[in-house]
Structure formats: C-alpha cells, structure tokens
Amino acid sequence: MRVAERRVRWRRLRTTLELVRANPTGRIALKVFIAVAGALVVAIGAVLIPLPGPGWLLVIAGLGIWAVEFHWAKRLLGFTRRHVQRWTRWVTSRSWPVRLALGTVGLLFVCAVVWLSLKVGLGIDVVARLLHYLATN
C-alpha cells in the first residue's frame, strides 16, 4: 500500500470519528467501545506477558486503541515509544559481543519464565524430565 493511500484511509477514519463524536450519544458510545476494546486487548496481553508470545506487543496495541479516545493513553504510548526507540538505538550502537550477551540474557529470561509457567501452572517440570531422560538413556 502506498503512502498516499494510507493517508487517505487515515483521513477517512478521522472524519468518521469526528462525525461519531459530533453526536452526544455517539461520543459516549465511542468512548465506551474504545474503553472496552482497549481493556480486552490489554488484558489478553497482560495474561500473555509471562508466556512466550506477543504479550507486550498486545499491551502496547491496547494502549494504541485507548489512545484514540483517551489523552492519558496517548501520552503513555508516546512515552513507551520514545523509550523503546531509545533502547533500540542503544542496543544497535553496541558491538556484536554485547548484542549477543543481551540476546542470551533475554533468551535465558524467556526460558526461565516458560519453565516456571509450565512448572507452576501445569505441574510439568521440564528440567526434571529432561534430566531423567538423559540419565536413563
């Protein structure tokens, strides 16, 4: 999709939102819809944070939904965007060994979270099963 087409779509969306907000009932309905939709996406993202997957991405997407209607969410989304961009610039300016170390720490953290989630949530101790498998074979 070209940039011009995206601009036209955003303009249509803004016009539609302005038309809905012009009506008092529409304004309240839009606010309630945005609040519920954003809360649902944030809640799903929060549940997925300890699991491998797009937990934080969904939380940020929920903030994006809320930012359509709520000023505090727009500010928080801007704050988050600035810090993620700053972190990304910092990491990409480091040498490959530092990047590798950061990636390894991140991978170990995700593995620990998955292991704890499986052990506490489902009662499956993957490490104990792996050690038992290695000892018996």
Protein backbone atom coordinates (compact mmCIF):
# COMPACT_ATOMS: atom_id res chain seq x y z
CA MET A 1 0.00 0.00 0.00
CA ARG A 2 1.36 3.38 -0.96
CA VAL A 3 1.80 6.28 1.42
CA ALA A 4 -0.87 8.33 -0.37
CA GLU A 5 -3.41 5.52 0.04
CA ARG A 6 -2.60 5.24 3.76
CA ARG A 7 -3.09 8.96 4.21
CA VAL A 8 -6.48 8.78 2.53
CA ARG A 9 -7.54 5.92 4.80
CA TRP A 10 -6.39 7.76 7.94
CA ARG A 11 -8.22 10.88 6.77
CA ARG A 12 -11.42 8.84 6.28
CA LEU A 13 -11.02 7.29 9.73
CA ARG A 14 -10.52 10.70 11.35
CA THR A 15 -13.56 12.08 9.50
CA THR A 16 -15.66 9.12 10.61
CA LEU A 17 -14.53 9.54 14.22
CA GLU A 18 -15.32 13.26 14.08
CA LEU A 19 -18.82 12.50 12.77
CA VAL A 20 -19.41 9.99 15.56
CA ARG A 21 -18.09 12.42 18.18
CA ALA A 22 -20.39 15.18 16.87
CA ASN A 23 -23.40 13.31 18.24
CA PRO A 24 -23.56 13.16 22.09
CA THR A 25 -24.79 9.57 22.03
CA GLY A 26 -22.15 8.61 19.50
CA ARG A 27 -19.43 10.24 21.59
CA ILE A 28 -20.40 8.22 24.67
CA ALA A 29 -20.82 5.01 22.67
CA LEU A 30 -17.42 5.51 21.02
CA LYS A 31 -15.76 6.17 24.38
CA VAL A 32 -17.32 3.03 25.88
CA PHE A 33 -16.42 0.93 22.83
CA ILE A 34 -12.80 2.16 22.84
CA ALA A 35 -12.52 1.60 26.60
CA VAL A 36 -13.84 -1.97 26.40
CA ALA A 37 -11.86 -2.92 23.28
CA GLY A 38 -8.63 -1.48 24.70
CA ALA A 39 -9.19 -3.17 28.06
CA LEU A 40 -9.79 -6.51 26.35
CA VAL A 41 -6.59 -6.27 24.29
CA VAL A 42 -4.53 -5.07 27.29
CA ALA A 43 -5.94 -7.86 29.48
CA ILE A 44 -5.10 -10.54 26.92
CA GLY A 45 -1.62 -9.05 26.53
CA ALA A 46 -1.11 -8.95 30.30
CA VAL A 47 -2.05 -12.62 30.56
CA LEU A 48 0.42 -13.46 27.77
CA ILE A 49 3.35 -11.46 29.19
CA PRO A 50 4.87 -14.34 31.18
CA LEU A 51 4.37 -16.74 28.28
CA PRO A 52 6.36 -16.75 25.07
CA GLY A 53 4.49 -14.71 22.54
CA PRO A 54 3.31 -11.21 21.82
CA GLY A 55 2.28 -10.20 25.35
CA TRP A 56 3.94 -6.78 25.45
CA LEU A 57 3.02 -6.15 21.84
CA LEU A 58 -0.66 -6.67 22.69
CA VAL A 59 -0.41 -4.40 25.73
CA ILE A 60 1.06 -1.65 23.52
CA ALA A 61 -1.64 -2.31 20.89
CA GLY A 62 -4.28 -1.91 23.60
CA LEU A 63 -2.69 1.39 24.58
CA GLY A 64 -2.90 2.39 20.93
CA ILE A 65 -6.62 1.61 20.92
CA TRP A 66 -7.13 3.64 24.10
CA ALA A 67 -5.04 6.50 22.64
CA VAL A 68 -7.75 7.06 20.03
CA GLU A 69 -10.04 8.41 22.73
CA PHE A 70 -8.05 8.98 25.96
CA HIS A 71 -5.34 11.62 26.33
CA TRP A 72 -3.53 9.81 29.19
CA ALA A 73 -3.13 6.72 26.97
CA LYS A 74 -1.75 8.85 24.15
CA ARG A 75 0.87 10.30 26.50
CA LEU A 76 1.76 6.86 27.88
CA LEU A 77 2.01 5.43 24.37
CA GLY A 78 4.34 8.28 23.36
CA PHE A 79 6.46 7.67 26.46
CA THR A 80 6.66 3.96 25.67
CA ARG A 81 7.52 4.61 22.03
CA ARG A 82 10.32 7.01 22.98
CA HIS A 83 11.87 4.55 25.41
CA VAL A 84 11.64 1.59 23.05
CA GLN A 85 13.28 3.64 20.29
CA ARG A 86 15.99 4.81 22.71
CA TRP A 87 16.63 1.21 23.83
CA THR A 88 16.74 0.01 20.21
CA ARG A 89 19.23 2.74 19.26
CA TRP A 90 21.37 1.92 22.28
CA VAL A 91 21.43 -1.81 21.53
CA THR A 92 22.16 -1.35 17.82
CA SER A 93 25.07 1.00 18.63
CA ARG A 94 26.79 -1.71 20.70
CA SER A 95 29.28 -4.23 19.41
CA TRP A 96 28.24 -7.73 18.38
CA PRO A 97 29.53 -9.37 21.61
CA VAL A 98 27.38 -7.01 23.70
CA ARG A 99 24.36 -7.68 21.47
CA LEU A 100 24.99 -11.41 21.77
CA ALA A 101 25.22 -11.12 25.56
CA LEU A 102 21.97 -9.11 25.69
CA GLY A 103 20.24 -11.63 23.43
CA THR A 104 21.50 -14.52 25.56
CA VAL A 105 20.26 -12.88 28.76
CA GLY A 106 16.89 -12.26 27.11
CA LEU A 107 16.68 -15.85 25.89
CA LEU A 108 17.59 -17.20 29.35
CA PHE A 109 14.92 -14.97 30.89
CA VAL A 110 12.27 -16.24 28.46
CA CYS A 111 13.34 -19.85 29.11
CA ALA A 112 13.10 -19.31 32.87
CA VAL A 113 9.64 -17.77 32.51
CA VAL A 114 8.45 -20.66 30.31
CA TRP A 115 9.90 -23.21 32.73
CA LEU A 116 8.27 -21.55 35.74
CA SER A 117 4.97 -21.15 33.90
CA LEU A 118 4.90 -24.83 32.99
CA LYS A 119 6.01 -25.94 36.46
CA VAL A 120 3.68 -23.74 38.49
CA GLY A 121 0.76 -23.53 36.08
CA LEU A 122 0.59 -27.06 34.71
CA GLY A 123 2.77 -29.02 37.13
CA ILE A 124 5.19 -30.06 34.37
CA ASP A 125 8.85 -29.84 35.37
CA VAL A 126 10.61 -29.85 32.01
CA VAL A 127 14.10 -29.70 33.53
CA ALA A 128 13.47 -32.71 35.80
CA ARG A 129 12.04 -34.69 32.88
CA LEU A 130 15.00 -33.77 30.69
CA LEU A 131 17.49 -34.80 33.39
CA HIS A 132 15.60 -38.06 33.96
CA TYR A 133 15.61 -38.74 30.20
CA LEU A 134 19.34 -38.05 29.97
CA ALA A 135 20.07 -40.29 32.97
CA THR A 136 18.04 -43.22 31.65
CA ASN A 137 19.20 -43.14 28.02
